[in-house]
Amino acid sequence: MKVILAKKAGFCMGVRRAVETTLDTVQKGGESIATFGPLIHNPQVLNLLKEQGVEILDKIPDKKSGTIIIRAHGVPPSHKEKLIASGADVKDATCPRVMKVQVIIKKFRQQDYTTIIIGDKNHAEVVGLMGYAEPKVHVVSNEEDIQSLQLVGPYIIVSQTTQDDFTFEKLSKAILERFPHGEVFNTICDSTHKRQDEVRNLCRRVDAMVVVGGRGSANTQRLGQVAEEMGCPVFLGETEHDFDLEALSRYKSVGVTAGASTPGWVIDLVVRTLESLPEKNEEQQ
């Protein structure tokens, strides 16, 4: 089978930084190491870190020794303060692109602006961003959310960094039509822009798209949505074992992309598995 791998597939800068920060801490040894919440949205990487002795905290401890690493998605500032107060050595592995959004929100909150975040309500990054904007903050995920908005005074619109361009443009435009004079900051990161554009281009060249990444990864799911919007058949899975190879073998060519949290070794296994499928000739179509 002909397989075309997207150039931007796999770890983005923020994820790589978080994983390297954690592995560097492991290599230095010492006391216990934990992440506050899952470091990234990829089970294979989390299992690797678990094997290295890294635990995942689901709540803030009153007292803690050792090191606590803040996940790539970031946390509300109050959570960071409490983690530091626990006595642990806190390392902040928040993605720099997410930090940029935090800075924008904090600046305008100090000027009494309301913040509207276009993103997924329960996503870890959005929860963290809300902490910088509270109490004047709203999360918009769809057009129905806009209908229930009640805004008084100045406001800004920002985006979850892994949001898709089309949704952000559509929703921000609809908000501005209902509440003019808001300030819009397209805070979707460059990696997300490029990844999504590459999927659109690949869909024009292949018969189907394979998207590799964690089931809980929002940006992985969005890559699949982008391909579907292009009218391309989409197959999503975490590892090479998750794909319907019989169904994929019906296609002559497939494109492969992966979410920002997907490690290279997982992508390589998927590509090799697909390449091992018999090449489909014209008579078989």
C-alpha atoms as a PDB file:
ATOM      1  CA  MET A   1       0.000   0.000   0.000  1.00  0.00           C
ATOM      2  CA  LYS A   2       1.119   3.535  -0.751  1.00  0.00           C
ATOM      3  CA  VAL A   3       1.453   5.456   2.522  1.00  0.00           C
ATOM      4  CA  ILE A   4       2.141   9.181   2.795  1.00  0.00           C
ATOM      5  CA  LEU A   5       3.168  10.377   6.262  1.00  0.00           C
ATOM      6  CA  ALA A   6       2.411  13.984   7.187  1.00  0.00           C
ATOM      7  CA  LYS A   7       5.545  16.000   7.942  1.00  0.00           C
ATOM      8  CA  LYS A   8       4.001  17.509  11.087  1.00  0.00           C
ATOM      9  CA  ALA A   9       2.751  14.250  12.597  1.00  0.00           C
ATOM     10  CA  GLY A  10       3.611  13.565  16.227  1.00  0.00           C
ATOM     11  CA  PHE A  11       4.999  15.542  19.136  1.00  0.00           C
ATOM     12  CA  CYS A  12       4.618  19.298  19.003  1.00  0.00           C
ATOM     13  CA  MET A  13       7.114  21.542  20.734  1.00  0.00           C
ATOM     14  CA  GLY A  14       5.067  21.902  23.911  1.00  0.00           C
ATOM     15  CA  VAL A  15       4.527  18.168  24.355  1.00  0.00           C
ATOM     16  CA  ARG A  16       8.177  17.361  23.629  1.00  0.00           C
ATOM     17  CA  ARG A  17       9.240  19.950  26.203  1.00  0.00           C
ATOM     18  CA  ALA A  18       6.926  18.470  28.860  1.00  0.00           C
ATOM     19  CA  VAL A  19       8.065  14.898  28.223  1.00  0.00           C
ATOM     20  CA  GLU A  20      11.754  15.868  28.171  1.00  0.00           C
ATOM     21  CA  THR A  21      11.337  17.873  31.394  1.00  0.00           C
ATOM     22  CA  THR A  22       9.846  14.818  33.078  1.00  0.00           C
ATOM     23  CA  LEU A  23      12.412  12.336  31.753  1.00  0.00           C
ATOM     24  CA  ASP A  24      15.272  14.683  32.718  1.00  0.00           C
ATOM     25  CA  THR A  25      13.866  14.824  36.236  1.00  0.00           C
ATOM     26  CA  VAL A  26      13.683  11.016  36.339  1.00  0.00           C
ATOM     27  CA  GLN A  27      17.297  10.681  35.205  1.00  0.00           C
ATOM     28  CA  LYS A  28      18.494  12.989  37.962  1.00  0.00           C
ATOM     29  CA  GLY A  29      16.982  10.630  40.513  1.00  0.00           C
ATOM     30  CA  GLY A  30      16.185  11.722  44.018  1.00  0.00           C
ATOM     31  CA  GLU A  31      12.806  11.747  45.729  1.00  0.00           C
ATOM     32  CA  SER A  32       9.415  10.877  44.263  1.00  0.00           C
ATOM     33  CA  ILE A  33       8.249  12.394  40.965  1.00  0.00           C
ATOM     34  CA  ALA A  34       4.620  13.057  40.074  1.00  0.00           C
ATOM     35  CA  THR A  35       2.635  14.981  37.496  1.00  0.00           C
ATOM     36  CA  PHE A  36      -0.461  16.927  38.455  1.00  0.00           C
ATOM     37  CA  GLY A  37      -2.981  15.322  36.160  1.00  0.00           C
ATOM     38  CA  PRO A  38      -1.880  13.330  33.082  1.00  0.00           C
ATOM     39  CA  LEU A  39       1.187  15.041  31.603  1.00  0.00           C
ATOM     40  CA  ILE A  40      -0.183  14.704  28.051  1.00  0.00           C
ATOM     41  CA  HIS A  41      -3.111  12.919  26.381  1.00  0.00           C
ATOM     42  CA  ASN A  42      -1.386   9.744  25.249  1.00  0.00           C
ATOM     43  CA  PRO A  43      -1.690   6.408  27.118  1.00  0.00           C
ATOM     44  CA  GLN A  44       1.503   4.940  25.629  1.00  0.00           C
ATOM     45  CA  VAL A  45       3.643   7.826  26.908  1.00  0.00           C
ATOM     46  CA  LEU A  46       1.891   7.791  30.279  1.00  0.00           C
ATOM     47  CA  ASN A  47       2.584   4.065  30.622  1.00  0.00           C
ATOM     48  CA  LEU A  48       6.249   4.690  29.811  1.00  0.00           C
ATOM     49  CA  LEU A  49       6.459   7.360  32.505  1.00  0.00           C
ATOM     50  CA  LYS A  50       4.683   5.085  34.984  1.00  0.00           C
ATOM     51  CA  GLU A  51       7.337   2.428  34.357  1.00  0.00           C
ATOM     52  CA  GLN A  52       9.913   5.100  35.210  1.00  0.00           C
ATOM     53  CA  GLY A  53       8.223   5.634  38.580  1.00  0.00           C
ATOM     54  CA  VAL A  54       6.260   8.785  37.697  1.00  0.00           C
ATOM     55  CA  GLU A  55       2.885   8.855  39.438  1.00  0.00           C
ATOM     56  CA  ILE A  56      -0.168  10.935  38.470  1.00  0.00           C
ATOM     57  CA  LEU A  57      -1.837  13.085  41.130  1.00  0.00           C
ATOM     58  CA  ASP A  58      -5.557  13.706  40.703  1.00  0.00           C
ATOM     59  CA  LYS A  59      -5.790  16.135  43.622  1.00  0.00           C
ATOM     60  CA  ILE A  60      -3.510  18.630  45.311  1.00  0.00           C
ATOM     61  CA  PRO A  61      -1.835  17.154  48.430  1.00  0.00           C
ATOM     62  CA  ASP A  62      -1.648  19.125  51.667  1.00  0.00           C
ATOM     63  CA  LYS A  63       1.968  18.058  52.080  1.00  0.00           C
ATOM     64  CA  LYS A  64       4.274  16.535  49.498  1.00  0.00           C
ATOM     65  CA  SER A  65       7.981  15.895  49.157  1.00  0.00           C
ATOM     66  CA  GLY A  66       9.814  15.304  45.912  1.00  0.00           C
ATOM     67  CA  THR A  67       8.894  16.892  42.581  1.00  0.00           C
ATOM     68  CA  ILE A  68       5.516  17.737  41.067  1.00  0.00           C
ATOM     69  CA  ILE A  69       5.437  18.583  37.359  1.00  0.00           C
ATOM     70  CA  ILE A  70       2.637  20.730  35.977  1.00  0.00           C
ATOM     71  CA  ARG A  71       1.145  19.181  32.849  1.00  0.00           C
ATOM     72  CA  ALA A  72       1.587  20.597  29.340  1.00  0.00           C
ATOM     73  CA  HIS A  73      -1.996  21.913  29.342  1.00  0.00           C
ATOM     74  CA  GLY A  74      -1.327  24.199  32.302  1.00  0.00           C
ATOM     75  CA  VAL A  75      -3.362  24.674  35.491  1.00  0.00           C
ATOM     76  CA  PRO A  76      -5.286  27.533  37.139  1.00  0.00           C
ATOM     77  CA  PRO A  77      -2.930  29.861  39.036  1.00  0.00           C
ATOM     78  CA  SER A  78      -4.592  28.954  42.340  1.00  0.00           C
ATOM     79  CA  HIS A  79      -3.658  25.301  41.753  1.00  0.00           C
ATOM     80  CA  LYS A  80      -0.024  26.193  41.139  1.00  0.00           C
ATOM     81  CA  GLU A  81       0.064  28.234  44.341  1.00  0.00           C
ATOM     82  CA  LYS A  82      -1.347  25.302  46.335  1.00  0.00           C
ATOM     83  CA  LEU A  83       1.115  22.871  44.767  1.00  0.00           C
ATOM     84  CA  ILE A  84       4.008  25.115  45.811  1.00  0.00           C
ATOM     85  CA  ALA A  85       2.501  25.474  49.294  1.00  0.00           C
ATOM     86  CA  SER A  86       2.506  21.670  49.642  1.00  0.00           C
ATOM     87  CA  GLY A  87       6.289  21.820  49.969  1.00  0.00           C
ATOM     88  CA  ALA A  88       7.077  19.988  46.752  1.00  0.00           C
ATOM     89  CA  ASP A  89       9.587  21.177  44.176  1.00  0.00           C
ATOM     90  CA  VAL A  90       7.214  22.341  41.412  1.00  0.00           C
ATOM     91  CA  LYS A  91       8.384  22.273  37.794  1.00  0.00           C
ATOM     92  CA  ASP A  92       6.102  24.029  35.318  1.00  0.00           C
ATOM     93  CA  ALA A  93       5.917  22.112  32.022  1.00  0.00           C
ATOM     94  CA  THR A  94       3.043  24.193  30.639  1.00  0.00           C
ATOM     95  CA  CYS A  95       3.342  24.601  26.875  1.00  0.00           C
ATOM     96  CA  PRO A  96       4.772  28.067  26.049  1.00  0.00           C
ATOM     97  CA  ARG A  97       1.899  28.589  23.566  1.00  0.00           C
ATOM     98  CA  VAL A  98      -0.584  28.025  26.391  1.00  0.00           C
ATOM     99  CA  MET A  99       1.412  30.386  28.613  1.00  0.00           C
ATOM    100  CA  LYS A 100       0.987  33.055  25.940  1.00  0.00           C
ATOM    101  CA  VAL A 101      -2.806  32.731  26.192  1.00  0.00           C
ATOM    102  CA  GLN A 102      -2.592  32.872  29.989  1.00  0.00           C
ATOM    103  CA  VAL A 103      -0.671  36.168  29.745  1.00  0.00           C
ATOM    104  CA  ILE A 104      -3.251  37.702  27.377  1.00  0.00           C
ATOM    105  CA  ILE A 105      -6.138  36.714  29.643  1.00  0.00           C
ATOM    106  CA  LYS A 106      -4.402  37.992  32.795  1.00  0.00           C
ATOM    107  CA  LYS A 107      -3.613  41.342  31.149  1.00  0.00           C
ATOM    108  CA  PHE A 108      -7.221  42.001  30.137  1.00  0.00           C
ATOM    109  CA  ARG A 109      -8.728  40.651  33.340  1.00  0.00           C
ATOM    110  CA  GLN A 110      -6.745  43.331  35.194  1.00  0.00           C
ATOM    111  CA  GLN A 111      -8.565  45.856  32.967  1.00  0.00           C
ATOM    112  CA  ASP A 112     -11.934  44.308  33.937  1.00  0.00           C
ATOM    113  CA  TYR A 113     -12.561  42.589  30.599  1.00  0.00           C
ATOM    114  CA  THR A 114     -14.679  39.476  30.324  1.00  0.00           C
ATOM    115  CA  THR A 115     -12.948  36.533  28.635  1.00  0.00           C
ATOM    116  CA  ILE A 116     -14.626  34.215  26.149  1.00  0.00           C
ATOM    117  CA  ILE A 117     -12.690  31.009  25.466  1.00  0.00           C
ATOM    118  CA  ILE A 118     -13.600  29.102  22.311  1.00  0.00           C
ATOM    119  CA  GLY A 119     -12.850  25.492  23.144  1.00  0.00           C
ATOM    120  CA  ASP A 120     -13.952  22.311  24.895  1.00  0.00           C
ATOM    121  CA  LYS A 121     -15.506  23.053  28.297  1.00  0.00           C
ATOM    122  CA  ASN A 122     -13.924  20.155  30.175  1.00  0.00           C
ATOM    123  CA  HIS A 123     -10.528  20.131  28.470  1.00  0.00           C
ATOM    124  CA  ALA A 124      -7.589  20.523  30.860  1.00  0.00           C
ATOM    125  CA  GLU A 125      -6.188  23.513  28.972  1.00  0.00           C
ATOM    126  CA  VAL A 126      -9.517  25.353  29.043  1.00  0.00           C
ATOM    127  CA  VAL A 127      -9.971  24.660  32.758  1.00  0.00           C
ATOM    128  CA  GLY A 128      -6.518  26.147  33.363  1.00  0.00           C
ATOM    129  CA  LEU A 129      -7.250  29.230  31.236  1.00  0.00           C
ATOM    130  CA  MET A 130     -10.529  29.818  33.052  1.00  0.00           C
ATOM    131  CA  GLY A 131      -8.560  30.133  36.271  1.00  0.00           C
ATOM    132  CA  TYR A 132      -6.779  33.190  34.850  1.00  0.00           C
ATOM    133  CA  ALA A 133     -10.035  34.822  33.794  1.00  0.00           C
ATOM    134  CA  GLU A 134     -12.413  34.132  36.690  1.00  0.00           C
ATOM    135  CA  PRO A 135     -14.926  35.281  37.657  1.00  0.00           C
ATOM    136  CA  LYS A 136     -15.774  36.949  34.323  1.00  0.00           C
ATOM    137  CA  VAL A 137     -15.323  34.074  31.883  1.00  0.00           C
ATOM    138  CA  HIS A 138     -17.431  32.058  29.436  1.00  0.00           C
ATOM    139  CA  VAL A 139     -16.551  28.978  27.396  1.00  0.00           C
ATOM    140  CA  VAL A 140     -18.110  28.667  23.940  1.00  0.00           C
ATOM    141  CA  SER A 141     -18.042  25.277  22.221  1.00  0.00           C
ATOM    142  CA  ASN A 142     -20.847  25.707  19.696  1.00  0.00           C
ATOM    143  CA  GLU A 143     -23.470  28.097  18.370  1.00  0.00           C
ATOM    144  CA  GLU A 144     -25.960  27.076  21.074  1.00  0.00           C
ATOM    145  CA  ASP A 145     -23.563  28.425  23.711  1.00  0.00           C
ATOM    146  CA  ILE A 146     -23.590  31.817  21.988  1.00  0.00           C
ATOM    147  CA  GLN A 147     -27.374  32.069  22.294  1.00  0.00           C
ATOM    148  CA  SER A 148     -27.117  31.833  26.077  1.00  0.00           C
ATOM    149  CA  LEU A 149     -24.321  34.411  26.411  1.00  0.00           C
ATOM    150  CA  GLN A 150     -24.992  37.507  28.496  1.00  0.00           C
ATOM    151  CA  LEU A 151     -22.218  40.088  28.123  1.00  0.00           C
ATOM    152  CA  VAL A 152     -21.910  43.506  29.709  1.00  0.00           C
ATOM    153  CA  GLY A 153     -18.878  45.702  29.139  1.00  0.00           C
ATOM    154  CA  PRO A 154     -15.663  45.019  27.202  1.00  0.00           C
ATOM    155  CA  TYR A 155     -14.578  41.488  26.384  1.00  0.00           C
ATOM    156  CA  ILE A 156     -11.936  39.470  24.573  1.00  0.00           C
ATOM    157  CA  ILE A 157     -12.146  36.234  22.620  1.00  0.00           C
ATOM    158  CA  VAL A 158      -9.312  33.698  22.776  1.00  0.00           C
ATOM    159  CA  SER A 159      -9.027  30.112  21.624  1.00  0.00           C
ATOM    160  CA  GLN A 160      -7.960  26.807  23.060  1.00  0.00           C
ATOM    161  CA  THR A 161      -4.594  26.359  21.342  1.00  0.00           C
ATOM    162  CA  THR A 162      -5.681  23.123  19.628  1.00  0.00           C
ATOM    163  CA  GLN A 163      -8.998  24.413  18.289  1.00  0.00           C
ATOM    164  CA  ASP A 164      -9.597  24.144  14.540  1.00  0.00           C
ATOM    165  CA  ASP A 165      -9.454  27.322  12.435  1.00  0.00           C
ATOM    166  CA  PHE A 166     -12.876  26.945  10.831  1.00  0.00           C
ATOM    167  CA  THR A 167     -14.701  26.578  14.146  1.00  0.00           C
ATOM    168  CA  PHE A 168     -12.825  29.473  15.738  1.00  0.00           C
ATOM    169  CA  GLU A 169     -13.547  31.825  12.836  1.00  0.00           C
ATOM    170  CA  LYS A 170     -17.217  30.816  12.667  1.00  0.00           C
ATOM    171  CA  LEU A 171     -17.884  31.132  16.397  1.00  0.00           C
ATOM    172  CA  SER A 172     -15.888  34.329  16.943  1.00  0.00           C
ATOM    173  CA  LYS A 173     -17.734  35.968  14.026  1.00  0.00           C
ATOM    174  CA  ALA A 174     -21.095  34.936  15.468  1.00  0.00           C
ATOM    175  CA  ILE A 175     -20.169  36.341  18.890  1.00  0.00           C
ATOM    176  CA  LEU A 176     -19.087  39.655  17.364  1.00  0.00           C
ATOM    177  CA  GLU A 177     -22.324  39.910  15.411  1.00  0.00           C
ATOM    178  CA  ARG A 178     -24.315  39.601  18.619  1.00  0.00           C
ATOM    179  CA  PHE A 179     -21.938  41.629  20.807  1.00  0.00           C
ATOM    180  CA  PRO A 180     -19.929  44.109  18.681  1.00  0.00           C
ATOM    181  CA  HIS A 181     -16.620  45.678  19.764  1.00  0.00           C
ATOM    182  CA  GLY A 182     -15.010  42.614  21.293  1.00  0.00           C
ATOM    183  CA  GLU A 183     -11.280  42.057  20.768  1.00  0.00           C
ATOM    184  CA  VAL A 184     -10.319  38.798  19.083  1.00  0.00           C
ATOM    185  CA  PHE A 185      -7.038  36.935  19.641  1.00  0.00           C
ATOM    186  CA  ASN A 186      -6.551  33.862  17.480  1.00  0.00           C
ATOM    187  CA  THR A 187      -4.437  31.865  19.912  1.00  0.00           C
ATOM    188  CA  ILE A 188      -4.480  28.587  17.966  1.00  0.00           C
ATOM    189  CA  CYS A 189      -0.817  27.551  17.909  1.00  0.00           C
ATOM    190  CA  ASP A 190       1.214  27.398  14.689  1.00  0.00           C
ATOM    191  CA  SER A 191       1.670  23.650  15.008  1.00  0.00           C
ATOM    192  CA  THR A 192      -2.094  23.160  15.024  1.00  0.00           C
ATOM    193  CA  HIS A 193      -2.537  25.445  11.995  1.00  0.00           C
ATOM    194  CA  LYS A 194       0.105  23.571  10.006  1.00  0.00           C
ATOM    195  CA  ARG A 195      -1.098  20.127  11.068  1.00  0.00           C
ATOM    196  CA  GLN A 196      -4.653  20.850   9.982  1.00  0.00           C
ATOM    197  CA  ASP A 197      -3.579  22.440   6.678  1.00  0.00           C
ATOM    198  CA  GLU A 198      -1.421  19.408   5.947  1.00  0.00           C
ATOM    199  CA  VAL A 199      -4.382  17.089   6.510  1.00  0.00           C
ATOM    200  CA  ARG A 200      -6.451  19.102   4.037  1.00  0.00           C
ATOM    201  CA  ASN A 201      -3.686  18.872   1.449  1.00  0.00           C
ATOM    202  CA  LEU A 202      -3.198  15.135   2.022  1.00  0.00           C
ATOM    203  CA  CYS A 203      -6.921  14.490   1.611  1.00  0.00           C
ATOM    204  CA  ARG A 204      -6.629  15.773  -1.955  1.00  0.00           C
ATOM    205  CA  ARG A 205      -3.887  13.222  -2.711  1.00  0.00           C
ATOM    206  CA  VAL A 206      -5.004  10.014  -0.980  1.00  0.00           C
ATOM    207  CA  ASP A 207      -8.021   7.734  -0.819  1.00  0.00           C
ATOM    208  CA  ALA A 208      -8.287   7.654   2.990  1.00  0.00           C
ATOM    209  CA  MET A 209      -6.742   9.195   6.113  1.00  0.00           C
ATOM    210  CA  VAL A 210      -5.366   7.416   9.177  1.00  0.00           C
ATOM    211  CA  VAL A 211      -5.175   9.524  12.341  1.00  0.00           C
ATOM    212  CA  VAL A 212      -3.042   8.186  15.201  1.00  0.00           C
ATOM    213  CA  GLY A 213      -3.414   9.428  18.750  1.00  0.00           C
ATOM    214  CA  GLY A 214      -4.915   9.106  22.210  1.00  0.00           C
ATOM    215  CA  ARG A 215      -8.683   8.718  22.433  1.00  0.00           C
ATOM    216  CA  GLY A 216      -8.747  11.548  24.953  1.00  0.00           C
ATOM    217  CA  SER A 217      -6.718  13.903  22.760  1.00  0.00           C
ATOM    218  CA  ALA A 218      -8.834  16.802  21.487  1.00  0.00           C
ATOM    219  CA  ASN A 219      -6.354  17.804  18.787  1.00  0.00           C
ATOM    220  CA  THR A 220      -6.235  14.207  17.487  1.00  0.00           C
ATOM    221  CA  GLN A 221     -10.015  14.112  17.214  1.00  0.00           C
ATOM    222  CA  ARG A 222      -9.994  17.447  15.394  1.00  0.00           C
ATOM    223  CA  LEU A 223      -7.585  16.147  12.773  1.00  0.00           C
ATOM    224  CA  GLY A 224     -10.120  13.434  12.055  1.00  0.00           C
ATOM    225  CA  GLN A 225     -12.895  16.036  11.838  1.00  0.00           C
ATOM    226  CA  VAL A 226     -10.862  18.110   9.386  1.00  0.00           C
ATOM    227  CA  ALA A 227     -10.404  15.075   7.147  1.00  0.00           C
ATOM    228  CA  GLU A 228     -14.118  14.241   7.354  1.00  0.00           C
ATOM    229  CA  GLU A 229     -14.975  17.800   6.354  1.00  0.00           C
ATOM    230  CA  MET A 230     -12.841  17.228   3.260  1.00  0.00           C
ATOM    231  CA  GLY A 231     -14.975  14.193   2.404  1.00  0.00           C
ATOM    232  CA  CYS A 232     -12.139  11.753   3.081  1.00  0.00           C
ATOM    233  CA  PRO A 233     -12.720   8.377   4.790  1.00  0.00           C
ATOM    234  CA  VAL A 234     -11.102   8.512   8.238  1.00  0.00           C
ATOM    235  CA  PHE A 235      -9.665   5.795  10.487  1.00  0.00           C
ATOM    236  CA  LEU A 236      -8.697   6.743  14.066  1.00  0.00           C
ATOM    237  CA  GLY A 237      -6.715   4.679  16.556  1.00  0.00           C
ATOM    238  CA  GLU A 238      -4.073   4.779  19.286  1.00  0.00           C
ATOM    239  CA  THR A 239      -1.785   2.018  18.008  1.00  0.00           C
ATOM    240  CA  GLU A 240      -1.353  -0.268  15.006  1.00  0.00           C
ATOM    241  CA  HIS A 241      -3.680  -2.786  16.670  1.00  0.00           C
ATOM    242  CA  ASP A 242      -6.673  -0.440  16.587  1.00  0.00           C
ATOM    243  CA  PHE A 243      -7.146  -0.177  12.819  1.00  0.00           C
ATOM    244  CA  ASP A 244      -9.379  -2.247  10.567  1.00  0.00           C
ATOM    245  CA  LEU A 245      -6.715  -3.469   8.150  1.00  0.00           C
ATOM    246  CA  GLU A 246      -9.238  -5.325   6.012  1.00  0.00           C
ATOM    247  CA  ALA A 247     -11.180  -2.116   5.440  1.00  0.00           C
ATOM    248  CA  LEU A 248      -7.989  -0.121   4.839  1.00  0.00           C
ATOM    249  CA  SER A 249      -6.744  -2.663   2.304  1.00  0.00           C
ATOM    250  CA  ARG A 250      -9.542  -1.576  -0.027  1.00  0.00           C
ATOM    251  CA  TYR A 251      -7.745   1.710  -0.629  1.00  0.00           C
ATOM    252  CA  LYS A 252      -4.847   2.263  -2.987  1.00  0.00           C
ATOM    253  CA  SER A 253      -3.274   5.082  -0.979  1.00  0.00           C
ATOM    254  CA  VAL A 254      -3.634   6.434   2.555  1.00  0.00           C
ATOM    255  CA  GLY A 255      -2.323   9.458   4.377  1.00  0.00           C
ATOM    256  CA  VAL A 256      -1.137   9.202   7.972  1.00  0.00           C
ATOM    257  CA  THR A 257      -1.153  12.014  10.498  1.00  0.00           C
ATOM    258  CA  ALA A 258      -0.974  12.024  14.284  1.00  0.00           C
ATOM    259  CA  GLY A 259      -1.955  14.158  17.219  1.00  0.00           C
ATOM    260  CA  ALA A 260       0.486  16.439  18.987  1.00  0.00           C
ATOM    261  CA  SER A 261       0.844  13.959  21.879  1.00  0.00           C
ATOM    262  CA  THR A 262       1.567  10.887  19.747  1.00  0.00           C
ATOM    263  CA  PRO A 263       5.143   9.550  20.083  1.00  0.00           C
ATOM    264  CA  GLY A 264       7.206   8.766  16.993  1.00  0.00           C
ATOM    265  CA  TRP A 265       7.585   5.064  17.770  1.00  0.00           C
ATOM    266  CA  VAL A 266       3.807   4.574  17.699  1.00  0.00           C
ATOM    267  CA  ILE A 267       3.517   6.392  14.370  1.00  0.00           C
ATOM    268  CA  ASP A 268       6.338   4.300  12.879  1.00  0.00           C
ATOM    269  CA  LEU A 269       4.598   1.049  13.850  1.00  0.00           C
ATOM    270  CA  VAL A 270       1.361   2.196  12.229  1.00  0.00           C
ATOM    271  CA  VAL A 271       3.149   3.236   9.026  1.00  0.00           C
ATOM    272  CA  ARG A 272       5.036  -0.068   8.793  1.00  0.00           C
ATOM    273  CA  THR A 273       1.814  -2.026   9.348  1.00  0.00           C
ATOM    274  CA  LEU A 274       0.054  -0.122   6.563  1.00  0.00           C
ATOM    275  CA  GLU A 275       3.001  -0.445   4.184  1.00  0.00           C
ATOM    276  CA  SER A 276       2.900  -4.220   4.664  1.00  0.00           C
ATOM    277  CA  LEU A 277      -0.610  -4.373   3.196  1.00  0.00           C
ATOM    278  CA  PRO A 278      -0.697  -5.608  -0.434  1.00  0.00           C
ATOM    279  CA  GLU A 279      -0.640  -2.796  -2.979  1.00  0.00           C
ATOM    280  CA  LYS A 280      -4.001  -2.388  -4.655  1.00  0.00           C
ATOM    281  CA  ASN A 281      -3.831  -2.247  -8.450  1.00  0.00           C
ATOM    282  CA  GLU A 282      -6.292  -0.656 -10.831  1.00  0.00           C
ATOM    283  CA  GLU A 283      -8.067  -3.977 -11.631  1.00  0.00           C
ATOM    284  CA  GLN A 284      -8.836  -4.521  -7.940  1.00  0.00           C
ATOM    285  CA  GLN A 285     -10.598  -1.195  -7.530  1.00  0.00           C
END
